[in-house]
PDB file of N, CA and C in Angstrom:
ATOM      1  N   MET A   1     -51.856  18.003 -70.663  1.00  0.00           N
ATOM      2  CA  MET A   1     -50.875  17.518 -71.173  1.00  0.00           C
ATOM      3  C   MET A   1     -51.123  18.415 -72.332  1.00  0.00           C
ATOM      4  N   PRO A   2     -49.861  19.980 -71.129  1.00  0.00           N
ATOM      5  CA  PRO A   2     -49.984  21.308 -72.407  1.00  0.00           C
ATOM      6  C   PRO A   2     -49.618  21.328 -73.848  1.00  0.00           C
ATOM      7  N   GLY A   3     -48.798  20.044 -74.104  1.00  0.00           N
ATOM      8  CA  GLY A   3     -48.241  19.889 -75.313  1.00  0.00           C
ATOM      9  C   GLY A   3     -49.803  19.709 -76.557  1.00  0.00           C
ATOM     10  N   GLN A   4     -50.912  19.458 -76.299  1.00  0.00           N
ATOM     11  CA  GLN A   4     -51.845  18.518 -76.425  1.00  0.00           C
ATOM     12  C   GLN A   4     -52.729  19.405 -76.807  1.00  0.00           C
ATOM     13  N   VAL A   5     -52.636  19.525 -78.647  1.00  0.00           N
ATOM     14  CA  VAL A   5     -53.404  20.838 -79.497  1.00  0.00           C
ATOM     15  C   VAL A   5     -53.082  19.959 -80.740  1.00  0.00           C
ATOM     16  N   GLY A   6     -54.835  20.568 -80.567  1.00  0.00           N
ATOM     17  CA  GLY A   6     -55.090  20.842 -82.151  1.00  0.00           C
ATOM     18  C   GLY A   6     -56.488  19.790 -82.524  1.00  0.00           C
ATOM     19  N   PRO A   7     -57.151  19.129 -83.471  1.00  0.00           N
ATOM     20  CA  PRO A   7     -56.158  18.930 -84.525  1.00  0.00           C
ATOM     21  C   PRO A   7     -55.871  20.787 -84.645  1.00  0.00           C
ATOM     22  N   ALA A   8     -55.687  20.890 -86.094  1.00  0.00           N
ATOM     23  CA  ALA A   8     -55.265  22.157 -86.606  1.00  0.00           C
ATOM     24  C   ALA A   8     -54.154  21.882 -87.953  1.00  0.00           C
ATOM     25  N   VAL A   9     -54.252  23.065 -88.687  1.00  0.00           N
ATOM     26  CA  VAL A   9     -54.090  22.774 -89.617  1.00  0.00           C
ATOM     27  C   VAL A   9     -52.413  23.410 -90.199  1.00  0.00           C
ATOM     28  N   GLY A  10     -51.719  23.226 -90.460  1.00  0.00           N
ATOM     29  CA  GLY A  10     -50.419  23.981 -90.818  1.00  0.00           C
ATOM     30  C   GLY A  10     -49.797  24.661 -89.473  1.00  0.00           C
ATOM     31  N   ILE A  11     -49.367  26.350 -89.935  1.00  0.00           N
ATOM     32  CA  ILE A  11     -48.550  27.101 -88.882  1.00  0.00           C
ATOM     33  C   ILE A  11     -49.992  27.211 -87.791  1.00  0.00           C
ATOM     34  N   SER A  12     -50.660  26.453 -87.953  1.00  0.00           N
ATOM     35  CA  SER A  12     -52.012  27.901 -86.788  1.00  0.00           C
ATOM     36  C   SER A  12     -51.795  26.464 -86.001  1.00  0.00           C
ATOM     37  N   ALA A  13     -51.185  25.656 -86.147  1.00  0.00           N
ATOM     38  CA  ALA A  13     -51.035  24.647 -84.901  1.00  0.00           C
ATOM     39  C   ALA A  13     -49.711  25.227 -84.074  1.00  0.00           C
ATOM     40  N   GLY A  14     -49.034  25.842 -84.258  1.00  0.00           N
ATOM     41  CA  GLY A  14     -48.082  27.005 -83.422  1.00  0.00           C
ATOM     42  C   GLY A  14     -49.063  28.068 -82.845  1.00  0.00           C
ATOM     43  N   ASP A  15     -49.644  28.410 -83.591  1.00  0.00           N
ATOM     44  CA  ASP A  15     -50.918  29.849 -82.449  1.00  0.00           C
ATOM     45  C   ASP A  15     -51.622  29.096 -81.166  1.00  0.00           C
ATOM     46  N   GLN A  16     -51.830  28.126 -81.748  1.00  0.00           N
ATOM     47  CA  GLN A  16     -52.540  27.315 -81.076  1.00  0.00           C
ATOM     48  C   GLN A  16     -51.968  27.177 -79.592  1.00  0.00           C
ATOM     49  N   LEU A  17     -51.104  26.447 -79.569  1.00  0.00           N
ATOM     50  CA  LEU A  17     -50.290  25.797 -78.700  1.00  0.00           C
ATOM     51  C   LEU A  17     -49.591  27.357 -77.606  1.00  0.00           C
ATOM     52  N   TRP A  18     -49.646  28.163 -78.302  1.00  0.00           N
ATOM     53  CA  TRP A  18     -48.873  29.607 -77.597  1.00  0.00           C
ATOM     54  C   TRP A  18     -50.261  29.858 -76.757  1.00  0.00           C
ATOM     55  N   VAL A  19     -51.165  30.239 -77.198  1.00  0.00           N
ATOM     56  CA  VAL A  19     -52.534  30.593 -76.594  1.00  0.00           C
ATOM     57  C   VAL A  19     -52.693  29.728 -75.175  1.00  0.00           C
ATOM     58  N   ALA A  20     -52.959  28.366 -75.793  1.00  0.00           N
ATOM     59  CA  ALA A  20     -53.119  27.409 -74.739  1.00  0.00           C
ATOM     60  C   ALA A  20     -52.108  27.474 -73.646  1.00  0.00           C
ATOM     61  N   ARG A  21     -51.065  26.948 -74.240  1.00  0.00           N
ATOM     62  CA  ARG A  21     -49.846  27.455 -72.755  1.00  0.00           C
ATOM     63  C   ARG A  21     -50.143  29.184 -72.042  1.00  0.00           C
ATOM     64  N   TYR A  22     -50.509  30.234 -72.770  1.00  0.00           N
ATOM     65  CA  TYR A  22     -50.890  31.222 -72.246  1.00  0.00           C
ATOM     66  C   TYR A  22     -52.138  30.890 -70.673  1.00  0.00           C
ATOM     67  N   ILE A  23     -53.166  30.115 -71.395  1.00  0.00           N
ATOM     68  CA  ILE A  23     -54.097  30.306 -70.789  1.00  0.00           C
ATOM     69  C   ILE A  23     -53.979  29.157 -69.331  1.00  0.00           C
ATOM     70  N   LEU A  24     -52.867  28.196 -69.761  1.00  0.00           N
ATOM     71  CA  LEU A  24     -52.412  27.790 -68.853  1.00  0.00           C
ATOM     72  C   LEU A  24     -51.884  27.901 -67.404  1.00  0.00           C
ATOM     73  N   GLU A  25     -51.235  29.098 -67.918  1.00  0.00           N
ATOM     74  CA  GLU A  25     -50.655  29.338 -66.927  1.00  0.00           C
ATOM     75  C   GLU A  25     -51.693  30.834 -66.384  1.00  0.00           C
ATOM     76  N   ARG A  26     -51.777  31.081 -66.775  1.00  0.00           N
ATOM     77  CA  ARG A  26     -52.843  32.191 -65.972  1.00  0.00           C
ATOM     78  C   ARG A  26     -54.138  31.995 -65.457  1.00  0.00           C
ATOM     79  N   ILE A  27     -54.708  30.807 -65.680  1.00  0.00           N
ATOM     80  CA  ILE A  27     -54.640  29.568 -64.767  1.00  0.00           C
ATOM     81  C   ILE A  27     -54.279  29.030 -63.425  1.00  0.00           C
ATOM     82  N   THR A  28     -53.498  28.780 -63.641  1.00  0.00           N
ATOM     83  CA  THR A  28     -52.409  28.349 -62.456  1.00  0.00           C
ATOM     84  C   THR A  28     -52.162  29.237 -61.753  1.00  0.00           C
ATOM     85  N   GLU A  29     -51.633  30.736 -61.928  1.00  0.00           N
ATOM     86  CA  GLU A  29     -51.561  31.589 -61.571  1.00  0.00           C
ATOM     87  C   GLU A  29     -52.695  32.376 -60.485  1.00  0.00           C
ATOM     88  N   ILE A  30     -53.933  32.060 -61.209  1.00  0.00           N
ATOM     89  CA  ILE A  30     -55.447  32.331 -60.280  1.00  0.00           C
ATOM     90  C   ILE A  30     -55.450  31.205 -59.332  1.00  0.00           C
ATOM     91  N   ALA A  31     -55.344  30.137 -59.339  1.00  0.00           N
ATOM     92  CA  ALA A  31     -55.322  28.948 -58.874  1.00  0.00           C
ATOM     93  C   ALA A  31     -53.881  28.426 -57.487  1.00  0.00           C
ATOM     94  N   GLY A  32     -53.274  29.749 -57.346  1.00  0.00           N
ATOM     95  CA  GLY A  32     -52.030  29.658 -57.056  1.00  0.00           C
ATOM     96  C   GLY A  32     -51.197  27.900 -56.909  1.00  0.00           C
ATOM     97  N   VAL A  33     -51.340  27.411 -58.560  1.00  0.00           N
ATOM     98  CA  VAL A  33     -50.479  26.278 -58.070  1.00  0.00           C
ATOM     99  C   VAL A  33     -49.196  26.861 -58.694  1.00  0.00           C
ATOM    100  N   VAL A  34     -47.788  25.477 -58.969  1.00  0.00           N
ATOM    101  CA  VAL A  34     -46.703  25.775 -60.039  1.00  0.00           C
ATOM    102  C   VAL A  34     -47.271  24.968 -60.904  1.00  0.00           C
ATOM    103  N   LEU A  35     -46.897  25.845 -62.091  1.00  0.00           N
ATOM    104  CA  LEU A  35     -47.041  24.906 -63.236  1.00  0.00           C
ATOM    105  C   LEU A  35     -45.581  25.036 -63.847  1.00  0.00           C
ATOM    106  N   SER A  36     -45.244  23.578 -64.489  1.00  0.00           N
ATOM    107  CA  SER A  36     -43.297  23.203 -64.994  1.00  0.00           C
ATOM    108  C   SER A  36     -43.704  23.173 -66.366  1.00  0.00           C
ATOM    109  N   PHE A  37     -43.353  23.866 -67.657  1.00  0.00           N
ATOM    110  CA  PHE A  37     -43.128  22.764 -69.073  1.00  0.00           C
ATOM    111  C   PHE A  37     -41.971  21.722 -68.580  1.00  0.00           C
ATOM    112  N   ASP A  38     -41.591  21.593 -67.902  1.00  0.00           N
ATOM    113  CA  ASP A  38     -40.499  20.333 -67.758  1.00  0.00           C
ATOM    114  C   ASP A  38     -40.838  19.462 -68.065  1.00  0.00           C
ATOM    115  N   PRO A  39     -40.283  18.224 -69.183  1.00  0.00           N
ATOM    116  CA  PRO A  39     -40.752  16.861 -69.692  1.00  0.00           C
ATOM    117  C   PRO A  39     -40.453  15.879 -68.478  1.00  0.00           C
ATOM    118  N   LYS A  40     -39.688  16.391 -67.793  1.00  0.00           N
ATOM    119  CA  LYS A  40     -39.859  15.226 -65.842  1.00  0.00           C
ATOM    120  C   LYS A  40     -39.796  15.946 -65.378  1.00  0.00           C
ATOM    121  N   PRO A  41     -40.967  17.086 -64.692  1.00  0.00           N
ATOM    122  CA  PRO A  41     -41.168  17.471 -63.524  1.00  0.00           C
ATOM    123  C   PRO A  41     -40.521  17.067 -62.557  1.00  0.00           C
ATOM    124  N   ILE A  42     -40.678  15.669 -62.176  1.00  0.00           N
ATOM    125  CA  ILE A  42     -40.918  14.731 -61.365  1.00  0.00           C
ATOM    126  C   ILE A  42     -39.862  13.367 -61.496  1.00  0.00           C
ATOM    127  N   MET A  43     -38.831  13.358 -61.018  1.00  0.00           N
ATOM    128  CA  MET A  43     -37.850  12.320 -61.449  1.00  0.00           C
ATOM    129  C   MET A  43     -38.055  11.287 -60.840  1.00  0.00           C
ATOM    130  N   GLY A  44     -38.092   9.655 -61.409  1.00  0.00           N
ATOM    131  CA  GLY A  44     -38.514   8.863 -61.327  1.00  0.00           C
ATOM    132  C   GLY A  44     -38.709   7.792 -62.107  1.00  0.00           C
ATOM    133  N   GLU A  45     -38.935   6.202 -62.485  1.00  0.00           N
ATOM    134  CA  GLU A  45     -39.026   5.075 -63.458  1.00  0.00           C
ATOM    135  C   GLU A  45     -39.821   5.616 -63.923  1.00  0.00           C
ATOM    136  N   TRP A  46     -40.153   6.696 -64.855  1.00  0.00           N
ATOM    137  CA  TRP A  46     -41.152   6.707 -65.688  1.00  0.00           C
ATOM    138  C   TRP A  46     -40.655   7.439 -67.050  1.00  0.00           C
ATOM    139  N   ASN A  47     -41.146   7.525 -68.299  1.00  0.00           N
ATOM    140  CA  ASN A  47     -40.439   8.015 -69.400  1.00  0.00           C
ATOM    141  C   ASN A  47     -40.729   9.427 -69.518  1.00  0.00           C
ATOM    142  N   GLY A  48     -41.439  10.113 -68.781  1.00  0.00           N
ATOM    143  CA  GLY A  48     -41.780  11.605 -68.518  1.00  0.00           C
ATOM    144  C   GLY A  48     -42.561  11.818 -69.980  1.00  0.00           C
ATOM    145  N   ALA A  49     -42.364  13.300 -70.366  1.00  0.00           N
ATOM    146  CA  ALA A  49     -43.283  13.365 -71.340  1.00  0.00           C
ATOM    147  C   ALA A  49     -42.812  14.905 -72.317  1.00  0.00           C
ATOM    148  N   GLY A  50     -43.624  14.822 -73.276  1.00  0.00           N
ATOM    149  CA  GLY A  50     -43.091  15.236 -74.415  1.00  0.00           C
ATOM    150  C   GLY A  50     -44.049  16.027 -75.785  1.00  0.00           C
ATOM    151  N   ALA A  51     -44.278  16.576 -75.880  1.00  0.00           N
ATOM    152  CA  ALA A  51     -45.012  17.427 -77.103  1.00  0.00           C
ATOM    153  C   ALA A  51     -44.612  16.531 -78.504  1.00  0.00           C
ATOM    154  N   HIS A  52     -45.932  15.618 -78.537  1.00  0.00           N
ATOM    155  CA  HIS A  52     -45.413  14.420 -79.754  1.00  0.00           C
ATOM    156  C   HIS A  52     -46.090  14.970 -81.161  1.00  0.00           C
ATOM    157  N   ILE A  53     -45.656  15.179 -82.616  1.00  0.00           N
ATOM    158  CA  ILE A  53     -46.470  15.419 -83.746  1.00  0.00           C
ATOM    159  C   ILE A  53     -46.336  14.838 -84.297  1.00  0.00           C
ATOM    160  N   LYS A  54     -47.745  14.930 -84.446  1.00  0.00           N
ATOM    161  CA  LYS A  54     -48.186  13.647 -85.839  1.00  0.00           C
ATOM    162  C   LYS A  54     -48.491  14.476 -86.973  1.00  0.00           C
ATOM    163  N   TYR A  55     -47.762  14.040 -88.312  1.00  0.00           N
ATOM    164  CA  TYR A  55     -48.410  14.457 -89.187  1.00  0.00           C
ATOM    165  C   TYR A  55     -48.352  13.935 -90.424  1.00  0.00           C
ATOM    166  N   SER A  56     -49.523  14.266 -91.475  1.00  0.00           N
ATOM    167  CA  SER A  56     -49.113  13.123 -92.579  1.00  0.00           C
ATOM    168  C   SER A  56     -49.083  14.474 -93.928  1.00  0.00           C
ATOM    169  N   THR A  57     -48.671  13.921 -95.305  1.00  0.00           N
ATOM    170  CA  THR A  57     -48.369  14.416 -96.412  1.00  0.00           C
ATOM    171  C   THR A  57     -49.732  13.714 -97.447  1.00  0.00           C
ATOM    172  N   LYS A  58     -50.067  14.095 -98.247  1.00  0.00           N
ATOM    173  CA  LYS A  58     -50.696  13.164 -99.614  1.00  0.00           C
ATOM    174  C   LYS A  58     -50.405  12.400 -99.560  1.00  0.00           C
ATOM    175  N   SER A  59     -48.833  12.851-100.003  1.00  0.00           N
ATOM    176  CA  SER A  59     -48.322  11.537-100.776  1.00  0.00           C
ATOM    177  C   SER A  59     -47.669  10.300 -99.943  1.00  0.00           C
ATOM    178  N   MET A  60     -47.904  10.569 -98.789  1.00  0.00           N
ATOM    179  CA  MET A  60     -47.452   9.681 -97.302  1.00  0.00           C
ATOM    180  C   MET A  60     -49.077   8.636 -97.126  1.00  0.00           C
ATOM    181  N   ARG A  61     -50.297   9.589 -98.245  1.00  0.00           N
ATOM    182  CA  ARG A  61     -51.429   8.920 -97.721  1.00  0.00           C
ATOM    183  C   ARG A  61     -51.798   7.759 -98.620  1.00  0.00           C
ATOM    184  N   ASN A  62     -51.177   8.109-100.029  1.00  0.00           N
ATOM    185  CA  ASN A  62     -51.292   7.567-101.061  1.00  0.00           C
ATOM    186  C   ASN A  62     -51.341   6.193-101.222  1.00  0.00           C
ATOM    187  N   GLU A  63     -51.143   5.576-102.631  1.00  0.00           N
ATOM    188  CA  GLU A  63     -50.447   4.696-102.786  1.00  0.00           C
ATOM    189  C   GLU A  63     -48.986   4.815-102.563  1.00  0.00           C
ATOM    190  N   GLY A  64     -48.257   3.668-102.172  1.00  0.00           N
ATOM    191  CA  GLY A  64     -46.952   4.524-101.953  1.00  0.00           C
ATOM    192  C   GLY A  64     -46.196   4.942-101.060  1.00  0.00           C
ATOM    193  N   GLY A  65     -47.198   5.098 -99.865  1.00  0.00           N
ATOM    194  CA  GLY A  65     -46.940   6.472 -99.134  1.00  0.00           C
ATOM    195  C   GLY A  65     -45.970   5.575 -98.149  1.00  0.00           C
ATOM    196  N   TYR A  66     -46.075   4.668 -97.736  1.00  0.00           N
ATOM    197  CA  TYR A  66     -45.576   4.039 -96.845  1.00  0.00           C
ATOM    198  C   TYR A  66     -43.432   4.558 -97.188  1.00  0.00           C
ATOM    199  N   GLU A  67     -42.862   4.162 -98.491  1.00  0.00           N
ATOM    200  CA  GLU A  67     -42.087   4.452 -99.119  1.00  0.00           C
ATOM    201  C   GLU A  67     -41.589   5.982 -98.876  1.00  0.00           C
ATOM    202  N   VAL A  68     -42.922   6.786 -98.892  1.00  0.00           N
ATOM    203  CA  VAL A  68     -42.109   8.033 -98.974  1.00  0.00           C
ATOM    204  C   VAL A  68     -42.039   8.220 -97.149  1.00  0.00           C
ATOM    205  N   ILE A  69     -42.957   8.072 -96.101  1.00  0.00           N
ATOM    206  CA  ILE A  69     -42.200   8.118 -94.950  1.00  0.00           C
ATOM    207  C   ILE A  69     -41.203   7.181 -94.688  1.00  0.00           C
ATOM    208  N   LYS A  70     -40.842   6.047 -95.107  1.00  0.00           N
ATOM    209  CA  LYS A  70     -39.755   5.531 -94.625  1.00  0.00           C
ATOM    210  C   LYS A  70     -38.285   6.971 -94.698  1.00  0.00           C
ATOM    211  N   LYS A  71     -38.727   7.744 -96.327  1.00  0.00           N
ATOM    212  CA  LYS A  71     -37.488   8.587 -96.573  1.00  0.00           C
ATOM    213  C   LYS A  71     -37.607   9.742 -95.785  1.00  0.00           C
ATOM    214  N   ALA A  72     -38.690  10.134 -95.020  1.00  0.00           N
ATOM    215  CA  ALA A  72     -38.934  11.818 -94.890  1.00  0.00           C
ATOM    216  C   ALA A  72     -38.246  11.578 -93.164  1.00  0.00           C
ATOM    217  N   ILE A  73     -38.238   9.998 -92.833  1.00  0.00           N
ATOM    218  CA  ILE A  73     -37.791   9.324 -91.033  1.00  0.00           C
ATOM    219  C   ILE A  73     -36.388   9.086 -91.363  1.00  0.00           C
ATOM    220  N   GLU A  74     -36.247   8.906 -92.699  1.00  0.00           N
ATOM    221  CA  GLU A  74     -34.593   8.447 -92.643  1.00  0.00           C
ATOM    222  C   GLU A  74     -33.354  10.186 -93.108  1.00  0.00           C
ATOM    223  N   MET A  75     -34.496  10.567 -93.531  1.00  0.00           N
ATOM    224  CA  MET A  75     -34.060  12.524 -93.367  1.00  0.00           C
ATOM    225  C   MET A  75     -33.882  12.817 -92.029  1.00  0.00           C
ATOM    226  N   LEU A  76     -35.022  13.158 -91.387  1.00  0.00           N
ATOM    227  CA  LEU A  76     -35.489  13.458 -89.780  1.00  0.00           C
ATOM    228  C   LEU A  76     -33.369  12.439 -89.225  1.00  0.00           C
ATOM    229  N   GLY A  77     -33.213  11.682 -89.201  1.00  0.00           N
ATOM    230  CA  GLY A  77     -31.997  10.906 -88.465  1.00  0.00           C
ATOM    231  C   GLY A  77     -30.817  11.321 -89.030  1.00  0.00           C
ATOM    232  N   LEU A  78     -30.977  11.876 -90.312  1.00  0.00           N
ATOM    233  CA  LEU A  78     -29.409  12.495 -90.469  1.00  0.00           C
ATOM    234  C   LEU A  78     -29.244  13.957 -89.639  1.00  0.00           C
ATOM    235  N   ARG A  79     -30.531  13.981 -89.113  1.00  0.00           N
ATOM    236  CA  ARG A  79     -29.647  15.820 -88.184  1.00  0.00           C
ATOM    237  C   ARG A  79     -30.295  15.698 -87.244  1.00  0.00           C
ATOM    238  N   HIS A  80     -30.140  14.471 -86.534  1.00  0.00           N
ATOM    239  CA  HIS A  80     -30.709  14.277 -84.913  1.00  0.00           C
ATOM    240  C   HIS A  80     -30.173  14.831 -84.076  1.00  0.00           C
ATOM    241  N   LYS A  81     -29.086  15.354 -83.904  1.00  0.00           N
ATOM    242  CA  LYS A  81     -28.551  16.305 -83.189  1.00  0.00           C
ATOM    243  C   LYS A  81     -28.522  17.696 -83.124  1.00  0.00           C
ATOM    244  N   GLU A  82     -29.014  17.927 -84.418  1.00  0.00           N
ATOM    245  CA  GLU A  82     -29.613  19.610 -84.575  1.00  0.00           C
ATOM    246  C   GLU A  82     -31.013  19.534 -83.746  1.00  0.00           C
ATOM    247  N   HIS A  83     -31.761  18.454 -84.490  1.00  0.00           N
ATOM    248  CA  HIS A  83     -33.279  18.441 -83.708  1.00  0.00           C
ATOM    249  C   HIS A  83     -33.117  18.269 -82.376  1.00  0.00           C
ATOM    250  N   ILE A  84     -32.524  17.209 -82.030  1.00  0.00           N
ATOM    251  CA  ILE A  84     -32.288  17.507 -79.962  1.00  0.00           C
ATOM    252  C   ILE A  84     -32.082  18.538 -79.476  1.00  0.00           C
ATOM    253  N   ALA A  85     -30.890  19.208 -80.439  1.00  0.00           N
ATOM    254  CA  ALA A  85     -30.131  21.037 -79.364  1.00  0.00           C
ATOM    255  C   ALA A  85     -32.022  22.033 -79.697  1.00  0.00           C
ATOM    256  N   ALA A  86     -32.640  21.623 -80.657  1.00  0.00           N
ATOM    257  CA  ALA A  86     -33.733  22.775 -80.567  1.00  0.00           C
ATOM    258  C   ALA A  86     -35.091  22.216 -80.330  1.00  0.00           C
ATOM    259  N   TYR A  87     -35.119  21.210 -79.598  1.00  0.00           N
ATOM    260  CA  TYR A  87     -35.776  20.101 -78.356  1.00  0.00           C
ATOM    261  C   TYR A  87     -36.283  20.648 -77.862  1.00  0.00           C
ATOM    262  N   GLY A  88     -35.393  22.039 -76.561  1.00  0.00           N
ATOM    263  CA  GLY A  88     -35.887  21.971 -75.535  1.00  0.00           C
ATOM    264  C   GLY A  88     -34.293  21.593 -74.312  1.00  0.00           C
ATOM    265  N   GLU A  89     -35.193  22.090 -73.385  1.00  0.00           N
ATOM    266  CA  GLU A  89     -34.211  21.832 -72.115  1.00  0.00           C
ATOM    267  C   GLU A  89     -34.397  20.093 -71.369  1.00  0.00           C
ATOM    268  N   SER A  90     -33.733  20.123 -70.604  1.00  0.00           N
ATOM    269  CA  SER A  90     -34.077  18.408 -69.452  1.00  0.00           C
ATOM    270  C   SER A  90     -34.745  17.627 -70.240  1.00  0.00           C
ATOM    271  N   ASN A  91     -34.443  17.444 -71.241  1.00  0.00           N
ATOM    272  CA  ASN A  91     -34.851  16.270 -71.822  1.00  0.00           C
ATOM    273  C   ASN A  91     -34.239  14.900 -71.399  1.00  0.00           C
ATOM    274  N   GLU A  92     -32.618  15.007 -71.240  1.00  0.00           N
ATOM    275  CA  GLU A  92     -31.909  13.909 -71.059  1.00  0.00           C
ATOM    276  C   GLU A  92     -32.498  12.733 -69.484  1.00  0.00           C
ATOM    277  N   GLY A  93     -33.249  13.057 -68.791  1.00  0.00           N
ATOM    278  CA  GLY A  93     -34.126  12.837 -67.843  1.00  0.00           C
ATOM    279  C   GLY A  93     -35.371  11.564 -68.811  1.00  0.00           C
ATOM    280  N   CYS A  94     -35.689  12.137 -69.806  1.00  0.00           N
ATOM    281  CA  CYS A  94     -36.829  11.252 -70.243  1.00  0.00           C
ATOM    282  C   CYS A  94     -36.259  10.425 -71.182  1.00  0.00           C
ATOM    283  N   LEU A  95     -35.275  10.927 -72.281  1.00  0.00           N
ATOM    284  CA  LEU A  95     -34.646  10.275 -73.056  1.00  0.00           C
ATOM    285  C   LEU A  95     -33.569   9.449 -73.019  1.00  0.00           C
ATOM    286  N   THR A  96     -33.812   8.347 -72.185  1.00  0.00           N
ATOM    287  CA  THR A  96     -33.269   7.001 -71.346  1.00  0.00           C
ATOM    288  C   THR A  96     -32.352   6.115 -72.307  1.00  0.00           C
ATOM    289  N   GLY A  97     -33.187   5.483 -72.617  1.00  0.00           N
ATOM    290  CA  GLY A  97     -33.098   4.579 -73.709  1.00  0.00           C
ATOM    291  C   GLY A  97     -34.210   3.438 -73.082  1.00  0.00           C
ATOM    292  N   GLN A  98     -34.986   3.594 -71.772  1.00  0.00           N
ATOM    293  CA  GLN A  98     -35.969   3.102 -71.212  1.00  0.00           C
ATOM    294  C   GLN A  98     -36.941   2.723 -71.536  1.00  0.00           C
ATOM    295  N   HIS A  99     -37.707   2.389 -71.208  1.00  0.00           N
ATOM    296  CA  HIS A  99     -39.538   2.589 -71.928  1.00  0.00           C
ATOM    297  C   HIS A  99     -39.434   2.840 -72.914  1.00  0.00           C
ATOM    298  N   GLU A 100     -40.542   3.339 -73.838  1.00  0.00           N
ATOM    299  CA  GLU A 100     -40.457   3.579 -75.163  1.00  0.00           C
ATOM    300  C   GLU A 100     -39.573   4.644 -75.967  1.00  0.00           C
ATOM    301  N   THR A 101     -38.598   5.357 -74.916  1.00  0.00           N
ATOM    302  CA  THR A 101     -38.093   6.377 -75.956  1.00  0.00           C
ATOM    303  C   THR A 101     -36.446   5.833 -76.300  1.00  0.00           C
ATOM    304  N   ALA A 102     -36.190   6.227 -77.112  1.00  0.00           N
ATOM    305  CA  ALA A 102     -34.675   5.899 -77.311  1.00  0.00           C
ATOM    306  C   ALA A 102     -33.275   7.248 -76.695  1.00  0.00           C
ATOM    307  N   ASP A 103     -32.436   6.460 -76.532  1.00  0.00           N
ATOM    308  CA  ASP A 103     -31.789   7.216 -75.739  1.00  0.00           C
ATOM    309  C   ASP A 103     -31.554   8.681 -76.200  1.00  0.00           C
ATOM    310  N   ILE A 104     -31.128   9.822 -75.509  1.00  0.00           N
ATOM    311  CA  ILE A 104     -30.862  11.357 -76.315  1.00  0.00           C
ATOM    312  C   ILE A 104     -30.088  11.730 -77.541  1.00  0.00           C
ATOM    313  N   ASN A 105     -28.897  10.212 -77.309  1.00  0.00           N
ATOM    314  CA  ASN A 105     -27.952  10.319 -78.664  1.00  0.00           C
ATOM    315  C   ASN A 105     -28.309   9.373 -79.977  1.00  0.00           C
ATOM    316  N   THR A 106     -29.514   8.672 -79.682  1.00  0.00           N
ATOM    317  CA  THR A 106     -29.632   7.835 -80.653  1.00  0.00           C
ATOM    318  C   THR A 106     -30.856   7.939 -81.191  1.00  0.00           C
ATOM    319  N   PHE A 107     -30.757   8.060 -82.940  1.00  0.00           N
ATOM    320  CA  PHE A 107     -32.281   8.307 -83.615  1.00  0.00           C
ATOM    321  C   PHE A 107     -32.612   6.559 -83.664  1.00  0.00           C
ATOM    322  N   LYS A 108     -34.289   5.881 -83.774  1.00  0.00           N
ATOM    323  CA  LYS A 108     -34.290   5.163 -84.075  1.00  0.00           C
ATOM    324  C   LYS A 108     -35.865   5.155 -84.416  1.00  0.00           C
ATOM    325  N   TRP A 109     -36.710   4.668 -84.876  1.00  0.00           N
ATOM    326  CA  TRP A 109     -38.334   4.827 -85.402  1.00  0.00           C
ATOM    327  C   TRP A 109     -38.390   3.268 -85.537  1.00  0.00           C
ATOM    328  N   VAL A 110     -39.634   3.018 -85.572  1.00  0.00           N
ATOM    329  CA  VAL A 110     -40.472   1.827 -85.278  1.00  0.00           C
ATOM    330  C   VAL A 110     -41.547   2.252 -86.167  1.00  0.00           C
ATOM    331  N   ASN A 111     -42.064   0.822 -86.763  1.00  0.00           N
ATOM    332  CA  ASN A 111     -43.367   1.171 -87.359  1.00  0.00           C
ATOM    333  C   ASN A 111     -44.543   0.178 -86.343  1.00  0.00           C
ATOM    334  N   THR A 112     -45.457   1.679 -86.068  1.00  0.00           N
ATOM    335  CA  THR A 112     -46.385   0.858 -84.845  1.00  0.00           C
ATOM    336  C   THR A 112     -47.755   0.092 -85.424  1.00  0.00           C
ATOM    337  N   LYS A 113     -47.790   0.788 -86.708  1.00  0.00           N
ATOM    338  CA  LYS A 113     -48.713   0.109 -87.113  1.00  0.00           C
ATOM    339  C   LYS A 113     -48.924   0.124 -89.148  1.00  0.00           C
ATOM    340  N   GLU A 114     -48.902  -0.527 -89.642  1.00  0.00           N
ATOM    341  CA  GLU A 114     -49.218  -0.389 -90.789  1.00  0.00           C
ATOM    342  C   GLU A 114     -49.733   1.569 -91.228  1.00  0.00           C
ATOM    343  N   LYS A 115     -48.248   1.565 -92.451  1.00  0.00           N
ATOM    344  CA  LYS A 115     -48.512   2.705 -92.440  1.00  0.00           C
ATOM    345  C   LYS A 115     -48.168   4.057 -91.710  1.00  0.00           C
ATOM    346  N   HIS A 116     -48.278   3.927 -89.854  1.00  0.00           N
ATOM    347  CA  HIS A 116     -47.705   4.669 -89.162  1.00  0.00           C
ATOM    348  C   HIS A 116     -46.948   4.237 -88.747  1.00  0.00           C
ATOM    349  N   ALA A 117     -45.970   5.369 -88.906  1.00  0.00           N
ATOM    350  CA  ALA A 117     -44.173   5.284 -87.649  1.00  0.00           C
ATOM    351  C   ALA A 117     -44.297   6.338 -86.590  1.00  0.00           C
ATOM    352  N   SER A 118     -43.019   5.723 -85.742  1.00  0.00           N
ATOM    353  CA  SER A 118     -43.204   6.629 -84.726  1.00  0.00           C
ATOM    354  C   SER A 118     -41.175   6.665 -84.462  1.00  0.00           C
ATOM    355  N   CYS A 119     -41.522   8.357 -84.244  1.00  0.00           N
ATOM    356  CA  CYS A 119     -39.824   8.565 -84.275  1.00  0.00           C
ATOM    357  C   CYS A 119     -39.683   8.757 -82.632  1.00  0.00           C
ATOM    358  N   CYS A 120     -38.702   7.805 -82.220  1.00  0.00           N
ATOM    359  CA  CYS A 120     -38.322   7.510 -80.793  1.00  0.00           C
ATOM    360  C   CYS A 120     -37.442   8.295 -80.122  1.00  0.00           C
ATOM    361  N   TYR A 121     -37.836  10.199 -79.889  1.00  0.00           N
ATOM    362  CA  TYR A 121     -36.456  11.197 -80.061  1.00  0.00           C
ATOM    363  C   TYR A 121     -36.682  11.222 -78.734  1.00  0.00           C
TER     364      TYR A 121
END
């Protein structure tokens, strides 16, 4: 999965992602194979793949952190359309409302474990 980078601290995660993509592009070029960063390069009955980013802050890990998490998620939901627009191209094939994803026009989240939340973009 090209989006799998880390663990990394802060802004260095972005640097690591770009270097990882460059290395992957060079390897596939040398090997003579085709590389695609399309989130669903083969159509079919599967949810596709994306770069999932997990983060926490100190306040999220402290006592009462679940409320901090919920507030952060609620704020993400307020700008859902803007976030989807910036998320990249070709996401309609993944964000169908089937499997574990929401449809591309809907923001929702679920508590997957105690004090861990997952936004279904």
